[in-house]
């Protein structure tokens, strides 16, 4: 049995749909974490990296429309603070970045969450 990977056609509608779902997943995950654990004292940053064939590819241009920027790392697009949480808790930011990356992964992107302490 052949497995055929669904190809996502990047247009304004699909880009908006993917970004909307990813943002909702990130902010929902962050809200749930805050409700259950409160804001932790560990400060830091979190972001999502997406590996691309080229930073001027169709995929990269679609990611740019979602707010991603070219990373200093080659063949990588990056989005900082997905979910737009404005606190300092690294734990909350990590939860949002993971949720955002999971949505992108479900659409075929090679997305990873990353973080670092402040």
C-alpha atoms as a PDB file:
ATOM      1  CA  UNK A   1       0.000   0.000   0.000  1.00  0.00           C
ATOM      2  CA  UNK A   2       1.442   3.352  -1.006  1.00  0.00           C
ATOM      3  CA  UNK A   3       1.305   6.162   1.483  1.00  0.00           C
ATOM      4  CA  UNK A   4       0.649   9.469  -0.203  1.00  0.00           C
ATOM      5  CA  UNK A   5       1.488  12.590   1.748  1.00  0.00           C
ATOM      6  CA  UNK A   6      -1.157  15.274   1.431  1.00  0.00           C
ATOM      7  CA  UNK A   7       0.248  18.327  -0.299  1.00  0.00           C
ATOM      8  CA  UNK A   8      -0.840  21.636   1.173  1.00  0.00           C
ATOM      9  CA  UNK A   9      -1.314  24.346  -1.426  1.00  0.00           C
ATOM     10  CA  UNK A  10      -0.168  27.613   0.056  1.00  0.00           C
ATOM     11  CA  UNK A  11      -2.577  30.432  -0.669  1.00  0.00           C
ATOM     12  CA  UNK A  12      -3.887  33.214   1.535  1.00  0.00           C
ATOM     13  CA  UNK A  13      -6.773  31.067   2.801  1.00  0.00           C
ATOM     14  CA  UNK A  14      -4.658  28.044   3.778  1.00  0.00           C
ATOM     15  CA  UNK A  15      -1.967  30.250   5.289  1.00  0.00           C
ATOM     16  CA  UNK A  16      -4.538  32.122   7.397  1.00  0.00           C
ATOM     17  CA  UNK A  17      -6.173  28.830   8.420  1.00  0.00           C
ATOM     18  CA  UNK A  18      -2.892  27.260   9.513  1.00  0.00           C
ATOM     19  CA  UNK A  19      -1.756  30.403  11.366  1.00  0.00           C
ATOM     20  CA  UNK A  20      -5.132  30.743  13.079  1.00  0.00           C
ATOM     21  CA  UNK A  21      -5.153  27.110  14.252  1.00  0.00           C
ATOM     22  CA  UNK A  22      -1.535  27.315  15.436  1.00  0.00           C
ATOM     23  CA  UNK A  23      -2.097  30.591  17.313  1.00  0.00           C
ATOM     24  CA  UNK A  24      -5.255  29.214  18.936  1.00  0.00           C
ATOM     25  CA  UNK A  25      -3.450  26.021  19.971  1.00  0.00           C
ATOM     26  CA  UNK A  26      -0.558  28.016  21.462  1.00  0.00           C
ATOM     27  CA  UNK A  27      -2.707  30.488  23.380  1.00  0.00           C
ATOM     28  CA  UNK A  28      -5.061  27.726  24.617  1.00  0.00           C
ATOM     29  CA  UNK A  29      -2.128  25.651  25.835  1.00  0.00           C
ATOM     30  CA  UNK A  30      -0.673  28.675  27.600  1.00  0.00           C
ATOM     31  CA  UNK A  31      -4.008  29.561  29.231  1.00  0.00           C
ATOM     32  CA  UNK A  32      -4.475  25.983  30.437  1.00  0.00           C
ATOM     33  CA  UNK A  33      -0.949  25.876  31.850  1.00  0.00           C
ATOM     34  CA  UNK A  34      -1.455  29.192  33.677  1.00  0.00           C
ATOM     35  CA  UNK A  35      -4.785  28.028  35.119  1.00  0.00           C
ATOM     36  CA  UNK A  36      -3.230  24.798  36.410  1.00  0.00           C
ATOM     37  CA  UNK A  37       0.217  25.979  37.511  1.00  0.00           C
ATOM     38  CA  UNK A  38       0.265  29.767  37.594  1.00  0.00           C
ATOM     39  CA  UNK A  39       3.205  31.755  36.329  1.00  0.00           C
ATOM     40  CA  UNK A  40       6.444  30.038  37.237  1.00  0.00           C
ATOM     41  CA  UNK A  41       9.418  32.113  38.347  1.00  0.00           C
ATOM     42  CA  UNK A  42      11.812  30.691  35.744  1.00  0.00           C
ATOM     43  CA  UNK A  43      12.302  33.391  33.085  1.00  0.00           C
ATOM     44  CA  UNK A  44      13.160  32.692  29.489  1.00  0.00           C
ATOM     45  CA  UNK A  45      12.197  32.615  25.842  1.00  0.00           C
ATOM     46  CA  UNK A  46      10.582  30.123  23.470  1.00  0.00           C
ATOM     47  CA  UNK A  47      10.207  30.007  19.714  1.00  0.00           C
ATOM     48  CA  UNK A  48       9.403  27.734  16.798  1.00  0.00           C
ATOM     49  CA  UNK A  49      11.941  26.764  14.139  1.00  0.00           C
ATOM     50  CA  UNK A  50      10.857  25.354  10.787  1.00  0.00           C
ATOM     51  CA  UNK A  51      13.353  23.661   8.486  1.00  0.00           C
ATOM     52  CA  UNK A  52      12.908  24.662   4.843  1.00  0.00           C
ATOM     53  CA  UNK A  53      14.612  23.727   1.596  1.00  0.00           C
ATOM     54  CA  UNK A  54      15.473  27.390   0.952  1.00  0.00           C
ATOM     55  CA  UNK A  55      14.544  30.563   2.819  1.00  0.00           C
ATOM     56  CA  UNK A  56      13.070  31.963  -0.408  1.00  0.00           C
ATOM     57  CA  UNK A  57      10.971  28.857  -1.211  1.00  0.00           C
ATOM     58  CA  UNK A  58       7.167  28.817  -1.440  1.00  0.00           C
ATOM     59  CA  UNK A  59       7.073  27.168   1.979  1.00  0.00           C
ATOM     60  CA  UNK A  60       9.281  29.881   3.502  1.00  0.00           C
ATOM     61  CA  UNK A  61       7.177  32.620   1.906  1.00  0.00           C
ATOM     62  CA  UNK A  62       4.044  31.036   3.391  1.00  0.00           C
ATOM     63  CA  UNK A  63       5.741  30.996   6.797  1.00  0.00           C
ATOM     64  CA  UNK A  64       6.702  34.673   6.388  1.00  0.00           C
ATOM     65  CA  UNK A  65       3.021  35.491   5.897  1.00  0.00           C
ATOM     66  CA  UNK A  66       2.393  33.758   9.244  1.00  0.00           C
ATOM     67  CA  UNK A  67       4.954  36.011  10.936  1.00  0.00           C
ATOM     68  CA  UNK A  68       8.097  33.880  10.655  1.00  0.00           C
ATOM     69  CA  UNK A  69      11.452  35.454   9.874  1.00  0.00           C
ATOM     70  CA  UNK A  70      14.663  34.020   8.469  1.00  0.00           C
ATOM     71  CA  UNK A  71      16.779  32.553  11.227  1.00  0.00           C
ATOM     72  CA  UNK A  72      20.515  33.010  11.618  1.00  0.00           C
ATOM     73  CA  UNK A  73      20.636  29.239  11.141  1.00  0.00           C
ATOM     74  CA  UNK A  74      20.721  28.188   7.480  1.00  0.00           C
ATOM     75  CA  UNK A  75      17.512  26.873   5.897  1.00  0.00           C
ATOM     76  CA  UNK A  76      15.459  27.771   8.956  1.00  0.00           C
ATOM     77  CA  UNK A  77      12.501  30.077   9.532  1.00  0.00           C
ATOM     78  CA  UNK A  78      11.777  31.228  13.082  1.00  0.00           C
ATOM     79  CA  UNK A  79       8.829  32.601  15.081  1.00  0.00           C
ATOM     80  CA  UNK A  80       9.403  33.951  18.586  1.00  0.00           C
ATOM     81  CA  UNK A  81       6.766  33.895  21.340  1.00  0.00           C
ATOM     82  CA  UNK A  82       3.972  31.985  19.610  1.00  0.00           C
ATOM     83  CA  UNK A  83       0.702  32.503  21.443  1.00  0.00           C
ATOM     84  CA  UNK A  84       1.687  36.091  22.267  1.00  0.00           C
ATOM     85  CA  UNK A  85       2.100  35.472  25.984  1.00  0.00           C
ATOM     86  CA  UNK A  86       3.590  38.652  27.461  1.00  0.00           C
ATOM     87  CA  UNK A  87       4.780  37.287  30.800  1.00  0.00           C
ATOM     88  CA  UNK A  88       8.269  36.083  31.653  1.00  0.00           C
ATOM     89  CA  UNK A  89       7.619  32.428  32.497  1.00  0.00           C
ATOM     90  CA  UNK A  90       9.654  30.183  30.231  1.00  0.00           C
ATOM     91  CA  UNK A  91       7.388  27.225  31.073  1.00  0.00           C
ATOM     92  CA  UNK A  92       4.331  29.017  29.661  1.00  0.00           C
ATOM     93  CA  UNK A  93       6.217  30.079  26.545  1.00  0.00           C
ATOM     94  CA  UNK A  94       7.494  26.514  25.983  1.00  0.00           C
ATOM     95  CA  UNK A  95       3.982  25.079  26.179  1.00  0.00           C
ATOM     96  CA  UNK A  96       2.811  27.571  23.558  1.00  0.00           C
ATOM     97  CA  UNK A  97       5.767  26.907  21.254  1.00  0.00           C
ATOM     98  CA  UNK A  98       5.211  23.137  21.448  1.00  0.00           C
ATOM     99  CA  UNK A  99       1.507  23.494  20.646  1.00  0.00           C
ATOM    100  CA  UNK A 100       2.250  25.825  17.715  1.00  0.00           C
ATOM    101  CA  UNK A 101       4.891  23.444  16.322  1.00  0.00           C
ATOM    102  CA  UNK A 102       2.510  20.474  16.625  1.00  0.00           C
ATOM    103  CA  UNK A 103      -0.087  22.215  14.463  1.00  0.00           C
ATOM    104  CA  UNK A 104       2.517  23.085  11.831  1.00  0.00           C
ATOM    105  CA  UNK A 105       3.794  19.505  11.895  1.00  0.00           C
ATOM    106  CA  UNK A 106       0.263  18.227  11.258  1.00  0.00           C
ATOM    107  CA  UNK A 107       0.310  20.274   8.028  1.00  0.00           C
ATOM    108  CA  UNK A 108       3.596  18.754   6.889  1.00  0.00           C
ATOM    109  CA  UNK A 109       6.058  21.391   8.104  1.00  0.00           C
ATOM    110  CA  UNK A 110       9.278  20.293   9.833  1.00  0.00           C
ATOM    111  CA  UNK A 111       8.577  22.374  12.933  1.00  0.00           C
ATOM    112  CA  UNK A 112      10.357  22.244  16.291  1.00  0.00           C
ATOM    113  CA  UNK A 113       9.956  24.199  19.510  1.00  0.00           C
ATOM    114  CA  UNK A 114      13.028  25.628  21.207  1.00  0.00           C
ATOM    115  CA  UNK A 115      13.694  27.646  24.342  1.00  0.00           C
ATOM    116  CA  UNK A 116      16.410  29.146  26.473  1.00  0.00           C
ATOM    117  CA  UNK A 117      16.612  30.654  29.920  1.00  0.00           C
ATOM    118  CA  UNK A 118      17.043  34.365  30.386  1.00  0.00           C
END
